[in-house]
Amino acid sequence: MSSVSRWAYKNTATVRPFVEEDGEAGGIIYGPEYTIACTWSAEAKAMREASAPAGNGEEFVSAYLIYTEDARPQYRDMIKLNDPTIPDQEIRARTVWDMAMFNDTPDYLLVT
C-alpha cells in the first residue's frame, strides 16, 4: 500500500471479477473473489457508465463511490462492501487518478 493511501483505506471490500455472460444458462460467470483495501461513501449522483469497449455511456444514478489504489476491479465486477446491510453492487464506472506527482501509485474511483 502506498504512503498516501495507507492512512485512508482502512475498510475492505470483496470483489468478484466479471468473466463472461453465460448465454445458455442466462447468467453471469464470475472469477475467484479477492479482497481490496478501500474507503467508500453512499452518494446519489448522476454518472455515466464506463466508456467503450465495455460500457455504453448511459447515465445512471450512483449508489456508492468506492476509493482504492487496487487496479484489479473493473467495469461489471461485483463488489461487496464490508457492511452486512449493503447488498452486492455492480461496478458501473471506473476512474483513475495519476499520483506520480507524489511518487505514488494511481488511485481509482469505482462507482456502483
C-alpha atoms as a PDB file:
ATOM      1  CA  MET A   1       0.000   0.000   0.000  1.00  0.00           C
ATOM      2  CA  SER A   2       1.278   3.468  -0.851  1.00  0.00           C
ATOM      3  CA  SER A   3       2.245   6.078   1.694  1.00  0.00           C
ATOM      4  CA  VAL A   4      -0.517   8.445   0.562  1.00  0.00           C
ATOM      5  CA  SER A   5      -3.369   5.934   0.841  1.00  0.00           C
ATOM      6  CA  ARG A   6      -2.162   3.992   3.902  1.00  0.00           C
ATOM      7  CA  TRP A   7      -3.995   6.352   6.268  1.00  0.00           C
ATOM      8  CA  ALA A   8      -7.245   6.483   4.235  1.00  0.00           C
ATOM      9  CA  TYR A   9      -8.030   2.962   3.008  1.00  0.00           C
ATOM     10  CA  LYS A  10      -8.923   1.316   6.320  1.00  0.00           C
ATOM     11  CA  ASN A  11     -12.019  -0.544   5.069  1.00  0.00           C
ATOM     12  CA  THR A  12     -12.182  -3.660   2.896  1.00  0.00           C
ATOM     13  CA  ALA A  13     -14.429  -4.930   0.128  1.00  0.00           C
ATOM     14  CA  THR A  14     -14.718  -8.279  -1.633  1.00  0.00           C
ATOM     15  CA  VAL A  15     -14.638  -8.268  -5.433  1.00  0.00           C
ATOM     16  CA  ARG A  16     -15.963 -10.974  -7.774  1.00  0.00           C
ATOM     17  CA  PRO A  17     -14.452 -10.270 -11.214  1.00  0.00           C
ATOM     18  CA  PHE A  18     -16.764 -10.457 -14.230  1.00  0.00           C
ATOM     19  CA  VAL A  19     -15.661 -13.176 -16.666  1.00  0.00           C
ATOM     20  CA  GLU A  20     -18.475 -13.536 -19.194  1.00  0.00           C
ATOM     21  CA  GLU A  21     -22.195 -13.793 -19.763  1.00  0.00           C
ATOM     22  CA  ASP A  22     -23.406 -17.379 -19.958  1.00  0.00           C
ATOM     23  CA  GLY A  23     -25.859 -17.322 -22.861  1.00  0.00           C
ATOM     24  CA  GLU A  24     -27.069 -20.883 -22.283  1.00  0.00           C
ATOM     25  CA  ALA A  25     -27.833 -20.538 -18.602  1.00  0.00           C
ATOM     26  CA  GLY A  26     -28.801 -16.870 -18.834  1.00  0.00           C
ATOM     27  CA  GLY A  27     -26.444 -15.850 -16.045  1.00  0.00           C
ATOM     28  CA  ILE A  28     -23.086 -14.255 -15.491  1.00  0.00           C
ATOM     29  CA  ILE A  29     -19.877 -16.090 -14.700  1.00  0.00           C
ATOM     30  CA  TYR A  30     -17.537 -14.529 -12.145  1.00  0.00           C
ATOM     31  CA  GLY A  31     -13.960 -15.404 -11.260  1.00  0.00           C
ATOM     32  CA  PRO A  32     -12.459 -16.108  -7.840  1.00  0.00           C
ATOM     33  CA  GLU A  33     -13.106 -13.495  -5.155  1.00  0.00           C
ATOM     34  CA  TYR A  34     -10.386 -11.278  -3.757  1.00  0.00           C
ATOM     35  CA  THR A  35     -10.279  -8.532  -1.110  1.00  0.00           C
ATOM     36  CA  ILE A  36      -9.229  -4.917  -1.607  1.00  0.00           C
ATOM     37  CA  ALA A  37      -8.434  -2.098   0.816  1.00  0.00           C
ATOM     38  CA  CYS A  38     -10.737   0.860   0.237  1.00  0.00           C
ATOM     39  CA  THR A  39     -12.932   3.584   1.620  1.00  0.00           C
ATOM     40  CA  TRP A  40     -16.404   4.456   0.374  1.00  0.00           C
ATOM     41  CA  SER A  41     -19.358   6.791   0.618  1.00  0.00           C
ATOM     42  CA  ALA A  42     -23.022   6.462  -0.303  1.00  0.00           C
ATOM     43  CA  GLU A  43     -23.933   9.152  -2.806  1.00  0.00           C
ATOM     44  CA  ALA A  44     -26.753   9.622  -5.300  1.00  0.00           C
ATOM     45  CA  LYS A  45     -25.038  11.391  -8.173  1.00  0.00           C
ATOM     46  CA  ALA A  46     -25.650  11.410 -11.935  1.00  0.00           C
ATOM     47  CA  MET A  47     -22.829   9.445 -13.608  1.00  0.00           C
ATOM     48  CA  ARG A  48     -22.089   7.818 -16.967  1.00  0.00           C
ATOM     49  CA  GLU A  49     -21.318   4.141 -17.417  1.00  0.00           C
ATOM     50  CA  ALA A  50     -17.802   3.189 -18.408  1.00  0.00           C
ATOM     51  CA  SER A  51     -16.934   4.075 -21.968  1.00  0.00           C
ATOM     52  CA  ALA A  52     -16.086   1.691 -24.809  1.00  0.00           C
ATOM     53  CA  PRO A  53     -15.380  -1.135 -25.193  1.00  0.00           C
ATOM     54  CA  ALA A  54     -17.343  -2.431 -22.200  1.00  0.00           C
ATOM     55  CA  GLY A  55     -19.719   0.376 -21.271  1.00  0.00           C
ATOM     56  CA  ASN A  56     -22.424   2.030 -23.278  1.00  0.00           C
ATOM     57  CA  GLY A  57     -22.075   5.550 -21.855  1.00  0.00           C
ATOM     58  CA  GLU A  58     -25.621   5.670 -20.493  1.00  0.00           C
ATOM     59  CA  GLU A  59     -26.382   7.851 -17.494  1.00  0.00           C
ATOM     60  CA  PHE A  60     -27.249   6.302 -14.128  1.00  0.00           C
ATOM     61  CA  VAL A  61     -27.580   7.447 -10.522  1.00  0.00           C
ATOM     62  CA  SER A  62     -24.776   6.174  -8.342  1.00  0.00           C
ATOM     63  CA  ALA A  63     -25.278   4.274  -5.113  1.00  0.00           C
ATOM     64  CA  TYR A  64     -21.714   4.057  -3.758  1.00  0.00           C
ATOM     65  CA  LEU A  65     -18.404   5.735  -4.557  1.00  0.00           C
ATOM     66  CA  ILE A  66     -15.524   3.414  -3.653  1.00  0.00           C
ATOM     67  CA  TYR A  67     -11.949   4.686  -3.495  1.00  0.00           C
ATOM     68  CA  THR A  68      -8.986   2.300  -3.736  1.00  0.00           C
ATOM     69  CA  GLU A  69      -5.480   2.045  -5.107  1.00  0.00           C
ATOM     70  CA  ASP A  70      -6.056  -1.557  -6.237  1.00  0.00           C
ATOM     71  CA  ALA A  71      -6.094  -1.647 -10.047  1.00  0.00           C
ATOM     72  CA  ARG A  72      -7.829  -5.038 -10.329  1.00  0.00           C
ATOM     73  CA  PRO A  73     -11.550  -4.091 -10.023  1.00  0.00           C
ATOM     74  CA  GLN A  74     -13.089  -3.367 -13.418  1.00  0.00           C
ATOM     75  CA  TYR A  75     -16.380  -2.464 -15.072  1.00  0.00           C
ATOM     76  CA  ARG A  76     -19.105  -5.118 -14.414  1.00  0.00           C
ATOM     77  CA  ASP A  77     -17.276  -6.740 -11.488  1.00  0.00           C
ATOM     78  CA  MET A  78     -19.411  -7.284  -8.385  1.00  0.00           C
ATOM     79  CA  ILE A  79     -18.265  -5.678  -5.157  1.00  0.00           C
ATOM     80  CA  LYS A  80     -19.412  -6.359  -1.591  1.00  0.00           C
ATOM     81  CA  LEU A  81     -18.611  -3.629   0.902  1.00  0.00           C
ATOM     82  CA  ASN A  82     -17.653  -4.646   4.423  1.00  0.00           C
ATOM     83  CA  ASP A  83     -21.136  -3.817   5.767  1.00  0.00           C
ATOM     84  CA  PRO A  84     -23.710  -6.624   6.109  1.00  0.00           C
ATOM     85  CA  THR A  85     -26.619  -4.244   5.430  1.00  0.00           C
ATOM     86  CA  ILE A  86     -25.364  -3.355   1.929  1.00  0.00           C
ATOM     87  CA  PRO A  87     -26.053  -5.863  -0.872  1.00  0.00           C
ATOM     88  CA  ASP A  88     -23.526  -6.729  -3.588  1.00  0.00           C
ATOM     89  CA  GLN A  89     -23.102  -3.907  -6.092  1.00  0.00           C
ATOM     90  CA  GLU A  90     -22.093  -3.955  -9.769  1.00  0.00           C
ATOM     91  CA  ILE A  91     -19.258  -1.615 -10.742  1.00  0.00           C
ATOM     92  CA  ARG A  92     -20.669   0.614 -13.473  1.00  0.00           C
ATOM     93  CA  ALA A  93     -17.853   3.145 -13.867  1.00  0.00           C
ATOM     94  CA  ARG A  94     -14.160   3.324 -13.036  1.00  0.00           C
ATOM     95  CA  THR A  95     -11.874   6.371 -12.941  1.00  0.00           C
ATOM     96  CA  VAL A  96      -8.120   6.536 -12.365  1.00  0.00           C
ATOM     97  CA  TRP A  97      -6.076   9.411 -10.916  1.00  0.00           C
ATOM     98  CA  ASP A  98      -2.375   9.762 -11.633  1.00  0.00           C
ATOM     99  CA  MET A  99      -0.445  10.097  -8.366  1.00  0.00           C
ATOM    100  CA  ALA A 100       3.006  10.423  -9.969  1.00  0.00           C
ATOM    101  CA  MET A 101       3.381  13.939  -8.542  1.00  0.00           C
ATOM    102  CA  PHE A 102       3.557  12.256  -5.124  1.00  0.00           C
ATOM    103  CA  ASN A 103       5.832   9.465  -6.412  1.00  0.00           C
ATOM    104  CA  ASP A 104       2.953   7.110  -5.627  1.00  0.00           C
ATOM    105  CA  THR A 105       0.690   4.537  -7.281  1.00  0.00           C
ATOM    106  CA  PRO A 106      -2.562   5.601  -9.014  1.00  0.00           C
ATOM    107  CA  ASP A 107      -5.861   5.835  -7.120  1.00  0.00           C
ATOM    108  CA  TYR A 108      -9.174   4.549  -8.502  1.00  0.00           C
ATOM    109  CA  LEU A 109     -12.802   5.517  -8.099  1.00  0.00           C
ATOM    110  CA  LEU A 110     -15.292   2.664  -8.550  1.00  0.00           C
ATOM    111  CA  VAL A 111     -18.933   3.702  -8.926  1.00  0.00           C
ATOM    112  CA  THR A 112     -21.896   1.376  -8.385  1.00  0.00           C
END
